[in-house]
Every structure is written in structure tokens, then in C-alpha cells.
Amino acid sequence: MGTKSVVLLAAEHRDDVSPTSLYYDVNVQGTKNVLQAMDNAGVKSIIFTSSVVIYGLNKENPDENHPEDPFNHYGKSKWQAEIVIKEWYHNDPEGKSITIIRPTVIFGERNRRNK
């Protein structure tokens, strides 16, 4: 019995990240790295946490059919990571499963947003 699925929660997400290339290093290249490791291990299922920010600002009740319109580097990098995952799936869909979740802001105990 081995790993059957990966839940990818990692992300660079603060509003004040510098340099902005960190968003792409972590969110896009990091996703590519995870997918490569999954391929190496024969894992074919991924659950990826993206973000509602890929829809842009002030969109009324966007759903999965809403056009993407990211407005910042975080949103753009999460959208690019989604594209990478979809390409991974479409290049060899046999037995693969992807789930992409786009939550709103998530807060935990003692979380103070991006401070």
C-alpha cells in the first residue's frame, strides 16, 4: 500500500512578498516539483488548494465557470499552477484524478491576516 493522493496546501500568499518572483517559485515551480515527485512515485491523484482570487476583484458570486481574471501576483501564480496541473492531467489522463478547490480567505486560530 502506498500513497494514493497528495493534498497540496503549500503556497506563497502574503500581500507583501518581495521579490514577487517568490509567488511563482513557490506556487508554480513548487507545483511542478510536486507533480514530478508524484510521477516518480506513481501517485495519480492530487487535491490542490487554489484561491478565489483567480477570479479577480469584486466579482459577484463567481463559480467554476466564471472567467479567470487574477489581479495580483498571488492570483496569477495560483492560476498558473492550476494550468500546470490541468496540463499534467491532460498529457496522460489514465487513472489520474485532480480536484481544485478555490476557497476564500481562510483564517485559523490567532491568525491576523497578512500581518
Protein backbone atom coordinates (compact mmCIF):
# COMPACT_ATOMS: atom_id res chain seq x y z
CA MET A 1 0.00 0.00 0.00
CA GLY A 2 1.44 3.39 -0.84
CA THR A 3 0.45 6.98 -1.16
CA LYS A 4 -2.72 7.27 -3.21
CA SER A 5 -3.26 11.02 -3.22
CA VAL A 6 -1.47 14.27 -2.48
CA VAL A 7 -3.15 17.27 -0.87
CA LEU A 8 -1.17 20.33 -1.94
CA LEU A 9 -1.76 23.17 0.52
CA ALA A 10 1.59 24.96 0.30
CA ALA A 11 1.60 28.46 -1.14
CA GLU A 12 3.29 31.83 -1.01
CA HIS A 13 0.35 34.08 -0.30
CA ARG A 14 1.09 37.18 1.73
CA ASP A 15 0.38 40.56 0.13
CA ASP A 16 3.85 41.92 0.85
CA VAL A 17 6.14 39.26 -0.65
CA SER A 18 9.41 40.51 -2.05
CA PRO A 19 10.67 39.73 -4.55
CA THR A 20 7.42 38.93 -6.34
CA SER A 21 9.17 36.06 -8.13
CA LEU A 22 8.68 34.07 -4.90
CA TYR A 23 5.00 33.69 -5.78
CA TYR A 24 5.97 31.90 -9.00
CA ASP A 25 8.88 29.97 -7.45
CA VAL A 26 6.65 28.51 -4.75
CA ASN A 27 3.20 28.38 -6.33
CA VAL A 28 4.08 27.40 -9.90
CA GLN A 29 7.51 25.76 -9.77
CA GLY A 30 6.63 24.15 -6.44
CA THR A 31 3.55 22.61 -8.03
CA LYS A 32 5.67 21.32 -10.92
CA ASN A 33 8.06 19.79 -8.39
CA VAL A 34 5.21 18.06 -6.55
CA LEU A 35 3.78 16.68 -9.80
CA GLN A 36 7.20 15.35 -10.81
CA ALA A 37 7.57 13.66 -7.42
CA MET A 38 4.08 12.21 -7.83
CA ASP A 39 5.01 10.82 -11.25
CA ASN A 40 8.19 9.32 -9.82
CA ALA A 41 6.18 7.65 -7.04
CA GLY A 42 3.28 6.58 -9.25
CA VAL A 43 0.76 8.77 -7.42
CA LYS A 44 -2.06 9.82 -9.73
CA SER A 45 -4.42 11.87 -7.57
CA ILE A 46 -3.98 15.45 -6.38
CA ILE A 47 -6.18 17.81 -4.40
CA PHE A 48 -4.96 21.36 -4.92
CA THR A 49 -5.95 24.43 -2.95
CA SER A 50 -6.02 27.40 -5.27
CA SER A 51 -7.88 30.59 -4.39
CA VAL A 52 -11.00 32.55 -5.28
CA VAL A 53 -8.59 35.41 -6.06
CA ILE A 54 -8.10 33.95 -9.55
CA TYR A 55 -11.49 35.44 -10.44
CA GLY A 56 -10.36 38.98 -9.72
CA LEU A 57 -11.80 41.70 -7.53
CA ASN A 58 -15.45 42.41 -6.81
CA LYS A 59 -16.92 39.55 -8.81
CA GLU A 60 -20.44 38.67 -7.80
CA ASN A 61 -20.78 35.02 -6.83
CA PRO A 62 -18.18 33.52 -9.15
CA ASP A 63 -18.29 29.77 -9.67
CA GLU A 64 -16.10 27.31 -11.55
CA ASN A 65 -17.49 28.55 -14.87
CA HIS A 66 -16.59 32.18 -14.19
CA PRO A 67 -13.72 33.57 -16.32
CA GLU A 68 -10.36 33.91 -14.65
CA ASP A 69 -9.16 37.46 -14.08
CA PRO A 70 -6.39 37.46 -11.44
CA PHE A 71 -5.30 40.95 -10.43
CA ASN A 72 -2.15 40.33 -8.38
CA HIS A 73 0.90 38.06 -8.40
CA TYR A 74 -0.64 35.68 -5.89
CA GLY A 75 -3.72 35.19 -8.07
CA LYS A 76 -1.70 34.96 -11.27
CA SER A 77 0.64 32.38 -9.78
CA LYS A 78 -2.22 30.26 -8.40
CA TRP A 79 -3.92 30.37 -11.81
CA GLN A 80 -0.66 29.33 -13.49
CA ALA A 81 -0.34 26.45 -11.02
CA GLU A 82 -3.86 25.32 -11.94
CA ILE A 83 -2.87 25.35 -15.61
CA VAL A 84 0.21 23.22 -14.82
CA ILE A 85 -1.99 20.69 -13.00
CA LYS A 86 -4.51 20.55 -15.85
CA GLU A 87 -1.69 20.02 -18.38
CA TRP A 88 -0.26 17.23 -16.18
CA TYR A 89 -3.66 15.57 -16.27
CA HIS A 90 -4.37 16.06 -19.98
CA ASN A 91 -0.92 14.84 -21.07
CA ASP A 92 -1.63 11.42 -19.53
CA PRO A 93 -5.12 11.15 -18.02
CA GLU A 94 -5.05 7.37 -17.50
CA GLY A 95 -6.04 6.77 -13.90
CA LYS A 96 -5.37 10.37 -12.86
CA SER A 97 -7.64 12.49 -10.73
CA ILE A 98 -7.44 16.21 -9.99
CA THR A 99 -9.53 18.27 -7.62
CA ILE A 100 -9.02 22.03 -7.48
CA ILE A 101 -10.55 23.95 -4.59
CA ARG A 102 -10.80 27.74 -4.72
CA PRO A 103 -11.57 28.89 -1.18
CA THR A 104 -11.98 32.42 0.04
CA VAL A 105 -9.66 33.71 2.79
CA ILE A 106 -9.11 31.06 5.43
CA PHE A 107 -8.29 32.07 8.97
CA GLY A 108 -7.08 29.89 11.79
CA GLU A 109 -6.67 30.40 15.49
CA ARG A 110 -4.65 33.58 16.27
CA ASN A 111 -4.40 34.37 12.54
CA ARG A 112 -4.25 38.10 11.86
CA ARG A 113 -4.50 38.12 8.06
CA ASN A 114 -1.22 39.08 6.42
CA LYS A 115 0.32 40.85 9.40
